[in-house]
Amino acid sequence: MGEASPRWAAPGTGQPTSTGAANYGPRYASRIGPEFHIAQVNIALPLAPVDTPLLAEFVAALDPINAIADRSPGFVWRLATEDGNATAIRPFEDERLLVNMSVWETLDDLAAFVYRSGHTAVMRRRREWFERIAFHIALWWVPAGQLPSVSDAVVRLAHLEEHGATPYAFTFRRRFDLDDALVVDDELACPA
């Protein structure tokens, strides 16, 4: 199966969209520290609707994995509706696409969660639940205290797809430091 190319525009508009459904609650305000933090967005195209048996194990893992993120060192914020996750937020023309966003104090904190926590076991199983997508994750720096919008994340993913890694949007492997210097890191590779 080839890699799908997401449709980045908001439904029916041709333009990125945002949602007011994010939980920007005060619970995270005390965790915002240094001058810049790292924001991330990742998307997934499920093989079936979220409420079907095929995705039942993935859905069952959401709360435990989100709990790991919430208590991980360096965690600042994650996109969530009142249900505690972001599966109901559909900012893309292709409304099957799921979106996940978070902010972390450092890139090392984010990498530790993604590649060295209970999150890794779920990530290894992603092909059971999701299609391959060529550009499924984007990272970028945000000033501490600033939380990214969903529409900003949509634009960052589109920019990465069109231009490759730049200081505006990059990946774990091809990332930019705060001085806009490119860092190529083959150590940060998906474990699946």
Protein backbone atom coordinates (compact mmCIF):
# COMPACT_ATOMS: atom_id res chain seq x y z
CA MET A 1 0.00 0.00 0.00
CA GLY A 2 1.42 3.41 -0.95
CA GLU A 3 1.59 6.46 1.23
CA ALA A 4 -1.46 8.69 1.28
CA SER A 5 -1.14 12.42 0.80
CA PRO A 6 -3.37 14.30 3.23
CA ARG A 7 -5.75 17.01 2.13
CA TRP A 8 -4.61 19.97 4.20
CA ALA A 9 -7.49 22.38 3.59
CA ALA A 10 -10.51 22.83 5.77
CA PRO A 11 -13.65 21.12 4.46
CA GLY A 12 -15.16 23.04 1.55
CA THR A 13 -12.93 26.12 1.95
CA GLY A 14 -9.55 25.38 0.47
CA GLN A 15 -8.12 27.08 3.57
CA PRO A 16 -6.68 25.74 6.83
CA THR A 17 -9.03 25.77 9.77
CA SER A 18 -8.84 25.88 13.54
CA THR A 19 -11.09 24.70 16.30
CA GLY A 20 -12.00 26.16 19.64
CA ALA A 21 -12.15 22.69 21.17
CA ALA A 22 -8.65 22.72 22.66
CA ASN A 23 -8.18 22.43 26.41
CA TYR A 24 -5.78 25.27 27.24
CA GLY A 25 -6.67 24.99 30.93
CA PRO A 26 -4.75 26.55 33.82
CA ARG A 27 -3.50 23.12 34.89
CA TYR A 28 -0.60 23.56 32.45
CA ALA A 29 0.20 27.23 33.09
CA SER A 30 2.70 26.50 35.87
CA ARG A 31 4.65 24.11 33.62
CA ILE A 32 5.66 26.71 31.06
CA GLY A 33 9.28 27.62 31.62
CA PRO A 34 12.21 28.51 29.31
CA GLU A 35 12.27 30.99 26.46
CA PHE A 36 11.14 28.51 23.75
CA HIS A 37 9.31 25.20 23.72
CA ILE A 38 8.87 22.59 21.01
CA ALA A 39 5.43 22.09 19.45
CA GLN A 40 4.46 18.98 17.52
CA VAL A 41 1.56 17.88 15.40
CA ASN A 42 1.03 14.42 14.04
CA ILE A 43 -1.78 13.04 11.97
CA ALA A 44 -3.06 9.58 11.21
CA LEU A 45 -5.41 8.14 8.62
CA PRO A 46 -7.32 5.26 10.24
CA LEU A 47 -8.06 2.12 8.26
CA ALA A 48 -11.63 2.26 9.63
CA PRO A 49 -13.80 4.66 11.63
CA VAL A 50 -12.67 5.23 15.22
CA ASP A 51 -15.77 3.57 16.67
CA THR A 52 -15.24 0.24 14.85
CA PRO A 53 -13.75 -2.99 16.25
CA LEU A 54 -10.61 -2.58 14.12
CA LEU A 55 -9.62 0.53 16.13
CA ALA A 56 -10.92 -0.64 19.51
CA GLU A 57 -7.47 -1.43 20.93
CA PHE A 58 -6.10 1.90 19.71
CA VAL A 59 -8.99 3.81 21.28
CA ALA A 60 -8.56 1.84 24.52
CA ALA A 61 -4.89 2.91 24.61
CA LEU A 62 -5.62 6.64 24.27
CA ASP A 63 -6.30 7.44 27.92
CA PRO A 64 -3.32 5.46 29.29
CA ILE A 65 -0.93 6.97 26.73
CA ASN A 66 -2.26 10.48 27.31
CA ALA A 67 -1.77 9.92 31.06
CA ILE A 68 1.87 8.97 30.41
CA ALA A 69 2.31 12.17 28.38
CA ASP A 70 0.62 14.30 31.04
CA ARG A 71 3.05 13.17 33.73
CA SER A 72 6.18 13.00 31.56
CA PRO A 73 9.08 15.35 32.30
CA GLY A 74 8.86 18.46 30.15
CA PHE A 75 5.21 18.04 29.17
CA VAL A 76 3.45 21.42 28.82
CA TRP A 77 0.16 20.92 26.93
CA ARG A 78 -1.75 18.68 24.55
CA LEU A 79 -4.75 19.24 22.32
CA ALA A 80 -7.87 17.71 23.83
CA THR A 81 -11.61 18.08 23.84
CA GLU A 82 -13.70 17.52 26.95
CA ASP A 83 -13.32 13.76 26.25
CA GLY A 84 -9.62 14.06 27.11
CA ASN A 85 -8.28 13.36 23.61
CA ALA A 86 -8.42 14.95 20.16
CA THR A 87 -10.16 12.26 18.10
CA ALA A 88 -13.23 14.47 17.56
CA ILE A 89 -11.19 17.36 16.12
CA ARG A 90 -11.19 17.12 12.33
CA PRO A 91 -9.43 20.15 10.78
CA PHE A 92 -8.69 18.60 7.37
CA GLU A 93 -10.66 18.32 4.15
CA ASP A 94 -10.38 14.56 4.56
CA GLU A 95 -12.36 14.26 7.79
CA ARG A 96 -11.05 10.76 8.43
CA LEU A 97 -7.67 12.24 9.46
CA LEU A 98 -6.98 12.28 13.19
CA VAL A 99 -4.81 15.02 14.68
CA ASN A 100 -2.65 15.08 17.80
CA MET A 101 -0.77 18.14 19.04
CA SER A 102 1.37 18.85 22.06
CA VAL A 103 3.97 21.23 23.46
CA TRP A 104 7.07 20.19 25.39
CA GLU A 105 9.76 22.11 27.25
CA THR A 106 12.56 20.56 25.18
CA LEU A 107 12.99 18.38 22.13
CA ASP A 108 14.69 15.80 24.37
CA ASP A 109 11.57 15.66 26.58
CA LEU A 110 9.36 15.07 23.54
CA ALA A 111 11.73 12.45 22.12
CA ALA A 112 11.83 10.63 25.47
CA PHE A 113 8.04 10.37 25.46
CA VAL A 114 7.76 9.38 21.79
CA TYR A 115 10.64 6.89 21.64
CA ARG A 116 11.31 5.74 25.22
CA SER A 117 8.01 5.46 27.06
CA GLY A 118 4.86 3.34 26.95
CA HIS A 119 3.95 5.32 23.82
CA THR A 120 6.48 3.25 21.84
CA ALA A 121 4.49 0.01 22.18
CA VAL A 122 1.41 1.65 20.66
CA MET A 123 3.50 3.27 17.92
CA ARG A 124 4.88 -0.14 16.94
CA ARG A 125 1.34 -1.31 16.23
CA ARG A 126 0.26 1.70 14.17
CA ARG A 127 0.20 -0.22 10.86
CA GLU A 128 -2.60 -2.36 12.31
CA TRP A 129 -4.76 0.75 12.58
CA PHE A 130 -3.47 3.43 10.18
CA GLU A 131 -2.42 3.96 6.58
CA ARG A 132 1.04 5.25 5.77
CA ILE A 133 1.14 9.02 5.31
CA ALA A 134 4.22 10.64 3.80
CA PHE A 135 4.15 13.79 5.95
CA HIS A 136 2.55 12.86 9.23
CA ILE A 137 4.53 14.88 11.79
CA ALA A 138 5.86 18.41 12.04
CA LEU A 139 7.82 20.10 14.80
CA TRP A 140 8.47 23.80 15.37
CA TRP A 141 9.61 26.19 18.10
CA VAL A 142 7.09 28.32 19.96
CA PRO A 143 7.76 31.06 22.50
CA ALA A 144 7.21 29.75 26.02
CA GLY A 145 3.67 30.50 27.08
CA GLN A 146 2.33 30.44 23.52
CA LEU A 147 0.18 27.47 22.52
CA PRO A 148 -0.19 26.59 18.85
CA SER A 149 -3.53 26.58 17.09
CA VAL A 150 -4.81 23.71 15.02
CA SER A 151 -4.79 25.96 11.95
CA ASP A 152 -1.11 26.76 12.57
CA ALA A 153 -0.36 23.04 12.76
CA VAL A 154 -2.18 22.41 9.46
CA VAL A 155 -0.09 25.12 7.80
CA ARG A 156 3.15 23.72 9.28
CA LEU A 157 2.40 20.23 7.92
CA ALA A 158 1.61 21.65 4.48
CA HIS A 159 4.82 23.70 4.53
CA LEU A 160 6.87 20.63 5.46
CA GLU A 161 5.28 18.64 2.63
CA GLU A 162 5.96 21.39 0.10
CA HIS A 163 9.44 22.56 1.20
CA GLY A 164 10.93 19.77 3.28
CA ALA A 165 12.50 20.48 6.66
CA THR A 166 13.06 24.19 7.32
CA PRO A 167 13.22 26.24 10.53
CA TYR A 168 9.46 26.82 10.05
CA ALA A 169 8.54 23.10 10.18
CA PHE A 170 10.86 20.14 10.64
CA THR A 171 11.08 16.51 11.79
CA PHE A 172 12.97 14.63 14.47
CA ARG A 173 15.56 13.44 11.95
CA ARG A 174 16.00 16.75 10.12
CA ARG A 175 15.45 19.45 12.67
CA PHE A 176 16.57 22.99 13.28
CA ASP A 177 17.90 24.40 16.51
CA LEU A 178 16.92 27.83 17.81
CA ASP A 179 19.70 29.40 15.72
CA ASP A 180 18.17 27.91 12.55
CA ALA A 181 21.05 25.45 12.20
CA LEU A 182 20.12 22.11 10.65
CA VAL A 183 20.69 19.04 12.81
CA VAL A 184 20.49 15.64 11.11
CA ASP A 185 19.90 12.86 13.65
CA ASP A 186 19.49 9.29 12.43
CA GLU A 187 19.25 8.08 16.05
CA LEU A 188 15.68 9.33 16.32
CA ALA A 189 13.94 6.81 14.14
CA CYS A 190 10.51 5.32 14.41
CA PRO A 191 10.71 1.99 16.27
CA ALA A 192 8.03 0.38 14.12
